[in-house]
Amino acid sequence: MKSLNIVFTEKQKVEVLTEEFQAELGRTEILCKAISSLVSTGTELQCLRGVFDTGTNWEDWVKYPFHPGYSMVAEVLEVGMDVEGIRKGDRVFVIQSHNQFFKTEARSAYVLPEGTSAEQGTWLSLAITTQLGARRTELALGETVGIIGLGLLGQLVTQYLYLSGAKEIYAIDPAESRQRMLRPRPGIISLPMDANNAIEEIKRRTNGRMLDVVLDVTGHPSVLAHATRLVKPLGRVILLGDTSTPSQQEMGRNVVSNSVSIQGIHASMDYKGWNHPAMSDLFLSYLSQGRMEVDSLITHRYSPIDAASVYESLVNNRSSAMGVLFDWTRLI
């Protein structure tokens, strides 16, 4: 069977290729046709850029030709004879690259409930990642939080932490376009500046107390050192963005003297009894209740045919885009 796929054939080169794959199903597999897939602009652009330190997770993962993407909603075309709970015609979320057709193990697919659009469903990967980040903070009611980076992850984690009872959330990003994407809420304070400049501003706003916890969502190696200066003594810094060049990353001048905790969290984790299906259920319940939303974060929709120009525009100016979707129904 042939499938139209988006492929990084080498560093900084995007092609849309027709590729063959074996469509015959195993007993526990499903065959799917793509409906909509979300571009993870931070991760995928880093994969396209191809700059990784030796020995990192990035170097192990990205091998060219590389199939990018992991946020797919698709229609089930066929099911294996031992598949239960999934039927032909169901819409499923799958951690799957930007492929028109594919097969996968049924246990890895999440059936979208009625009332959830395919576009909303594409956010499940990032919704799980950011929910893990919010859980990792172990936020106590009334604590103050800083979020550095208001891309896809930063927007979602801001919503989660607002629901979690943060007293104040300082949203830090120099891009005014990203600041405007924040849902207006009491206690969410927009700081259109970089993390270094935010240090004095937060010191002023908190009367020198600083923040209880800061999330570095950027994955940029220079940010960690600034993040550790934004928290109070015994404060916590959560690394939700994973730099591909940790050799350039410094932890900051006062980590030991201020007893600052630096903690990581990865999307592959479960957390204290919360697995991925349970976190997906919670996210979709928040959407249905109107307590979270993603529709306003979708800024661009493209045909997969245009992938090369889409990634080129993102490389040139990522701050002008937020939720970028490939609409696979545009293919004949």
Protein backbone atom coordinates (compact mmCIF):
# COMPACT_ATOMS: atom_id res chain seq x y z
CA MET A 1 0.00 0.00 0.00
CA LYS A 2 1.20 3.51 -0.79
CA SER A 3 1.17 6.44 1.62
CA LEU A 4 2.03 10.11 1.18
CA ASN A 5 4.46 10.93 4.00
CA ILE A 6 6.32 13.99 5.25
CA VAL A 7 10.02 13.14 5.60
CA PHE A 8 13.13 15.00 6.73
CA THR A 9 15.38 13.33 4.20
CA GLU A 10 18.45 15.00 5.69
CA LYS A 11 19.28 17.95 7.92
CA GLN A 12 17.25 21.01 6.93
CA LYS A 13 15.56 19.24 4.03
CA VAL A 14 11.83 18.43 3.93
CA GLU A 15 10.20 16.30 1.25
CA VAL A 16 6.74 14.85 0.71
CA LEU A 17 7.27 11.30 -0.50
CA THR A 18 5.06 8.46 -1.65
CA GLU A 19 6.27 5.41 0.27
CA GLU A 20 5.21 1.79 0.28
CA PHE A 21 4.30 -0.08 3.45
CA GLN A 22 2.92 -3.52 4.21
CA ALA A 23 -0.78 -3.00 4.99
CA GLU A 24 -1.58 -6.57 5.98
CA LEU A 25 -2.70 -6.43 9.60
CA GLY A 26 -1.51 -8.45 12.53
CA ARG A 27 -4.15 -9.77 14.88
CA THR A 28 -3.86 -6.80 17.26
CA GLU A 29 -3.21 -4.03 14.71
CA ILE A 30 -5.38 -1.37 13.09
CA LEU A 31 -5.07 0.30 9.69
CA CYS A 32 -5.63 4.06 9.74
CA LYS A 33 -6.08 7.02 7.38
CA ALA A 34 -4.88 10.41 8.61
CA ILE A 35 -7.43 13.17 9.28
CA SER A 36 -5.41 15.86 11.06
CA SER A 37 -1.96 16.12 12.60
CA LEU A 38 -0.44 18.85 14.73
CA VAL A 39 3.10 20.11 14.19
CA SER A 40 5.11 20.19 17.41
CA THR A 41 6.98 23.28 16.33
CA GLY A 42 9.71 23.17 18.96
CA THR A 43 10.56 19.47 18.78
CA GLU A 44 10.14 19.04 15.03
CA LEU A 45 12.20 22.10 14.14
CA GLN A 46 14.97 20.85 16.40
CA CYS A 47 14.81 17.49 14.60
CA LEU A 48 15.00 19.31 11.27
CA ARG A 49 17.91 21.46 12.44
CA GLY A 50 19.83 18.35 13.48
CA VAL A 51 22.15 19.89 16.07
CA PHE A 52 22.56 17.42 18.94
CA ASP A 53 25.20 16.76 21.56
CA THR A 54 26.78 13.31 21.48
CA GLY A 55 25.12 10.84 23.82
CA THR A 56 21.82 12.69 24.10
CA ASN A 57 18.34 11.31 23.65
CA TRP A 58 18.10 13.53 20.56
CA GLU A 59 21.11 11.93 18.86
CA ASP A 60 19.75 8.45 19.55
CA TRP A 61 16.26 9.31 18.27
CA VAL A 62 16.78 11.38 15.11
CA LYS A 63 18.20 9.39 12.22
CA TYR A 64 17.79 10.63 8.65
CA PRO A 65 15.65 10.03 6.72
CA PHE A 66 13.42 10.94 9.68
CA HIS A 67 9.62 10.88 9.85
CA PRO A 68 8.56 13.82 12.06
CA GLY A 69 5.38 14.21 14.07
CA TYR A 70 3.67 12.48 16.97
CA SER A 71 0.23 14.11 17.25
CA MET A 72 -2.16 12.39 14.84
CA VAL A 73 -5.93 11.85 14.63
CA ALA A 74 -6.96 9.27 12.05
CA GLU A 75 -9.92 7.21 10.87
CA VAL A 76 -9.79 3.46 11.44
CA LEU A 77 -10.10 1.63 8.12
CA GLU A 78 -9.62 -1.96 9.27
CA VAL A 79 -9.05 -3.80 12.55
CA GLY A 80 -7.18 -7.00 13.29
CA MET A 81 -9.19 -10.06 14.29
CA ASP A 82 -8.23 -9.82 18.00
CA VAL A 83 -8.79 -6.07 18.39
CA GLU A 84 -11.34 -5.10 21.02
CA GLY A 85 -12.80 -1.68 21.79
CA ILE A 86 -11.97 -0.16 18.40
CA ARG A 87 -14.17 -0.43 15.32
CA LYS A 88 -13.92 0.50 11.67
CA GLY A 89 -14.88 4.16 11.32
CA ASP A 90 -13.71 5.21 14.78
CA ARG A 91 -11.56 8.31 15.09
CA VAL A 92 -8.42 7.62 17.10
CA PHE A 93 -5.53 9.62 18.46
CA VAL A 94 -2.16 7.97 17.84
CA ILE A 95 1.42 8.98 18.53
CA GLN A 96 2.27 8.76 14.86
CA SER A 97 4.36 10.68 12.34
CA HIS A 98 2.82 12.77 9.55
CA ASN A 99 1.77 9.82 7.34
CA GLN A 100 -1.35 9.56 5.19
CA PHE A 101 -1.83 5.84 5.88
CA PHE A 102 -0.30 3.68 8.60
CA LYS A 103 -0.90 0.69 10.80
CA THR A 104 -0.31 0.53 14.52
CA GLU A 105 -1.00 -1.62 17.55
CA ALA A 106 -4.56 -1.08 18.73
CA ARG A 107 -3.43 -0.73 22.35
CA SER A 108 -1.56 2.46 21.40
CA ALA A 109 -4.67 4.16 19.96
CA TYR A 110 -7.07 6.31 21.97
CA VAL A 111 -10.65 6.49 20.66
CA LEU A 112 -11.93 10.06 20.59
CA PRO A 113 -15.33 10.56 22.22
CA GLU A 114 -18.23 12.16 20.40
CA GLY A 115 -18.11 15.91 20.79
CA THR A 116 -14.32 16.06 20.49
CA SER A 117 -13.22 17.33 17.10
CA ALA A 118 -10.33 15.78 15.22
CA GLU A 119 -8.42 19.06 15.55
CA GLN A 120 -8.89 19.08 19.32
CA GLY A 121 -7.78 15.46 19.47
CA THR A 122 -4.43 16.25 17.86
CA TRP A 123 -3.45 18.13 21.05
CA LEU A 124 -3.45 15.02 23.25
CA SER A 125 0.32 14.40 23.08
CA LEU A 126 1.12 17.95 24.15
CA ALA A 127 -1.71 17.94 26.68
CA ILE A 128 -0.16 14.89 28.37
CA THR A 129 3.33 16.40 28.30
CA THR A 130 2.16 19.62 29.90
CA GLN A 131 -0.04 17.86 32.41
CA LEU A 132 3.03 15.94 33.49
CA GLY A 133 4.86 19.25 33.85
CA ALA A 134 2.08 20.65 36.01
CA ARG A 135 2.05 17.51 38.16
CA ARG A 136 5.83 17.59 38.52
CA THR A 137 5.65 21.02 40.15
CA GLU A 138 3.73 19.48 43.08
CA LEU A 139 2.06 22.89 43.26
CA ALA A 140 0.58 23.88 46.60
CA LEU A 141 -2.51 26.08 46.71
CA GLY A 142 -1.49 29.74 46.58
CA GLU A 143 2.07 29.30 45.29
CA THR A 144 3.52 31.62 42.65
CA VAL A 145 4.73 30.25 39.34
CA GLY A 146 6.84 31.42 36.41
CA ILE A 147 6.54 29.93 32.93
CA ILE A 148 9.37 30.68 30.51
CA GLY A 149 8.29 30.19 26.91
CA LEU A 150 4.74 30.57 25.60
CA GLY A 151 4.79 28.24 22.64
CA LEU A 152 2.46 25.25 22.44
CA LEU A 153 3.64 23.72 25.71
CA GLY A 154 3.77 27.02 27.55
CA GLN A 155 0.19 27.90 26.58
CA LEU A 156 -1.16 24.56 27.80
CA VAL A 157 0.84 24.39 31.02
CA THR A 158 -0.35 27.90 31.89
CA GLN A 159 -3.93 26.68 31.65
CA TYR A 160 -3.20 23.62 33.80
CA LEU A 161 -1.44 25.60 36.51
CA TYR A 162 -4.24 28.14 36.64
CA LEU A 163 -6.64 25.25 37.33
CA SER A 164 -4.22 23.91 39.94
CA GLY A 165 -4.60 26.95 42.20
CA ALA A 166 -1.55 29.09 41.53
CA LYS A 167 -1.86 32.49 43.18
CA GLU A 168 0.04 34.23 40.40
CA ILE A 169 1.44 32.97 37.12
CA TYR A 170 4.18 35.04 35.48
CA ALA A 171 4.11 34.27 31.75
CA ILE A 172 7.54 35.12 30.32
CA ASP A 173 8.17 35.40 26.59
CA PRO A 174 9.46 38.37 24.54
CA ALA A 175 7.09 37.63 21.62
CA GLU A 176 4.02 39.86 21.87
CA SER A 177 2.17 37.54 19.48
CA ARG A 178 2.51 34.68 21.96
CA GLN A 179 1.51 36.86 24.89
CA ARG A 180 -1.73 37.72 23.08
CA MET A 181 -2.59 34.01 22.84
CA LEU A 182 -2.91 33.68 26.62
CA ARG A 183 -6.42 33.28 27.97
CA PRO A 184 -7.14 36.43 30.03
CA ARG A 185 -7.43 35.36 33.65
CA PRO A 186 -6.97 37.15 36.98
CA GLY A 187 -3.55 36.33 38.36
CA ILE A 188 -1.90 35.62 35.00
CA ILE A 189 0.74 38.32 34.55
CA SER A 190 2.20 38.88 31.11
CA LEU A 191 5.92 39.67 31.02
CA PRO A 192 6.93 40.35 27.39
CA MET A 193 10.66 39.97 27.94
CA ASP A 194 13.33 37.29 28.08
CA ALA A 195 14.10 35.30 31.22
CA ASN A 196 17.20 37.33 32.08
CA ASN A 197 15.30 40.64 32.06
CA ALA A 198 12.45 39.04 34.00
CA ILE A 199 14.69 38.55 37.06
CA GLU A 200 14.63 42.18 38.17
CA GLU A 201 10.99 42.61 37.17
CA ILE A 202 9.85 39.65 39.28
CA LYS A 203 12.06 40.76 42.13
CA ARG A 204 10.28 44.11 42.03
CA ARG A 205 6.79 42.63 41.74
CA THR A 206 7.31 40.12 44.57
CA ASN A 207 9.16 42.55 46.89
CA GLY A 208 12.26 40.40 46.62
CA ARG A 209 10.57 37.14 47.59
CA MET A 210 10.82 35.63 44.07
CA LEU A 211 8.80 32.62 42.88
CA ASP A 212 8.02 29.24 44.37
CA VAL A 213 8.44 27.33 41.11
CA VAL A 214 9.51 28.08 37.54
CA LEU A 215 9.02 25.94 34.44
CA ASP A 216 11.56 26.25 31.63
CA VAL A 217 9.55 25.24 28.57
CA THR A 218 11.99 26.56 25.98
CA GLY A 219 14.59 23.83 25.60
CA HIS A 220 17.12 26.62 25.03
CA PRO A 221 20.41 25.91 26.82
CA SER A 222 20.92 29.47 28.11
CA VAL A 223 17.58 29.69 29.94
CA LEU A 224 18.21 27.34 32.87
CA ALA A 225 20.75 29.65 34.52
CA HIS A 226 18.21 32.49 34.47
CA ALA A 227 15.37 30.24 35.63
CA THR A 228 17.24 29.24 38.79
CA ARG A 229 17.56 32.92 39.73
CA LEU A 230 13.81 33.47 39.45
CA VAL A 231 12.94 31.17 42.35
CA LYS A 232 13.21 31.75 46.07
CA PRO A 233 15.50 29.72 48.37
CA LEU A 234 14.29 26.09 48.31
CA GLY A 235 12.39 26.91 45.11
CA ARG A 236 11.89 24.43 42.27
CA VAL A 237 12.80 24.62 38.60
CA ILE A 238 11.06 22.17 36.26
CA LEU A 239 12.65 21.41 32.89
CA LEU A 240 9.73 20.73 30.57
CA GLY A 241 11.77 21.66 27.50
CA ASP A 242 14.70 19.34 26.73
CA THR A 243 17.74 20.99 25.21
CA SER A 244 19.53 19.11 22.45
CA THR A 245 22.85 20.72 23.47
CA PRO A 246 23.22 20.23 27.25
CA SER A 247 26.96 20.92 26.94
CA GLN A 248 25.97 24.59 26.55
CA GLN A 249 23.64 24.56 29.56
CA GLU A 250 24.59 26.00 32.96
CA MET A 251 22.54 25.66 36.10
CA GLY A 252 23.14 29.15 37.50
CA ARG A 253 25.22 30.84 40.18
CA ASN A 254 23.03 30.33 43.26
CA VAL A 255 21.65 26.80 42.97
CA VAL A 256 23.57 25.39 45.94
CA SER A 257 23.54 28.52 48.13
CA ASN A 258 19.77 28.89 47.62
CA SER A 259 19.11 25.13 47.79
CA VAL A 260 17.25 25.19 44.48
CA SER A 261 15.80 21.94 43.11
CA ILE A 262 16.13 21.25 39.38
CA GLN A 263 13.78 18.52 38.13
CA GLY A 264 13.04 17.09 34.72
CA ILE A 265 9.93 15.46 33.31
CA HIS A 266 9.55 13.58 30.03
CA ALA A 267 6.44 12.90 27.97
CA SER A 268 6.96 9.13 28.12
CA MET A 269 6.40 9.02 31.88
CA ASP A 270 3.40 8.07 33.98
CA TYR A 271 3.16 10.01 37.22
CA LYS A 272 1.96 8.80 40.61
CA GLY A 273 -0.85 6.63 39.30
CA TRP A 274 -1.73 8.82 36.33
CA ASN A 275 -1.11 7.04 33.03
CA HIS A 276 -1.56 8.47 29.54
CA PRO A 277 -5.18 7.34 28.98
CA ALA A 278 -6.21 8.78 32.35
CA MET A 279 -4.49 12.08 31.59
CA SER A 280 -6.14 12.14 28.15
CA ASP A 281 -9.55 11.61 29.75
CA LEU A 282 -8.92 14.46 32.19
CA PHE A 283 -7.79 16.86 29.47
CA LEU A 284 -10.83 16.13 27.30
CA SER A 285 -13.12 16.58 30.29
CA TYR A 286 -11.57 20.00 30.89
CA LEU A 287 -12.19 20.85 27.23
CA SER A 288 -15.82 19.76 27.36
CA GLN A 289 -16.35 21.78 30.54
CA GLY A 290 -14.78 24.87 29.00
CA ARG A 291 -12.09 24.95 31.69
CA MET A 292 -9.38 24.57 29.06
CA GLU A 293 -9.43 25.32 25.36
CA VAL A 294 -7.22 24.88 22.32
CA ASP A 295 -9.34 26.04 19.40
CA SER A 296 -8.10 29.64 19.68
CA LEU A 297 -4.50 28.39 19.64
CA ILE A 298 -4.85 26.99 16.12
CA THR A 299 -3.37 29.62 13.82
CA HIS A 300 -2.61 27.75 10.58
CA ARG A 301 -4.03 24.85 8.57
CA TYR A 302 -2.20 23.44 5.55
CA SER A 303 -2.32 20.63 3.07
CA PRO A 304 0.46 18.09 3.70
CA ILE A 305 1.53 18.72 0.10
CA ASP A 306 2.82 22.10 1.25
CA ALA A 307 4.99 20.68 4.05
CA ALA A 308 8.32 21.94 2.71
CA SER A 309 7.16 25.56 2.59
CA VAL A 310 5.38 25.18 5.95
CA TYR A 311 8.56 24.13 7.74
CA GLU A 312 10.57 26.79 5.91
CA SER A 313 8.19 29.49 7.19
CA LEU A 314 8.41 28.11 10.73
CA VAL A 315 12.20 28.10 10.60
CA ASN A 316 12.17 31.73 9.49
CA ASN A 317 9.60 32.99 12.00
CA ARG A 318 8.17 30.54 14.53
CA SER A 319 6.80 33.23 16.85
CA SER A 320 4.04 34.17 14.38
CA ALA A 321 2.57 30.65 14.46
CA MET A 322 1.10 28.59 17.28
CA GLY A 323 -1.06 25.57 16.46
CA VAL A 324 -0.05 24.45 12.94
CA LEU A 325 -2.13 21.62 11.51
CA PHE A 326 -1.80 19.41 8.47
CA ASP A 327 -5.30 18.75 7.11
CA TRP A 328 -5.08 15.37 5.44
CA THR A 329 -8.66 15.58 4.15
CA ARG A 330 -7.36 18.06 1.54
CA LEU A 331 -5.66 15.19 -0.27
CA ILE A 332 -7.69 13.70 -3.09
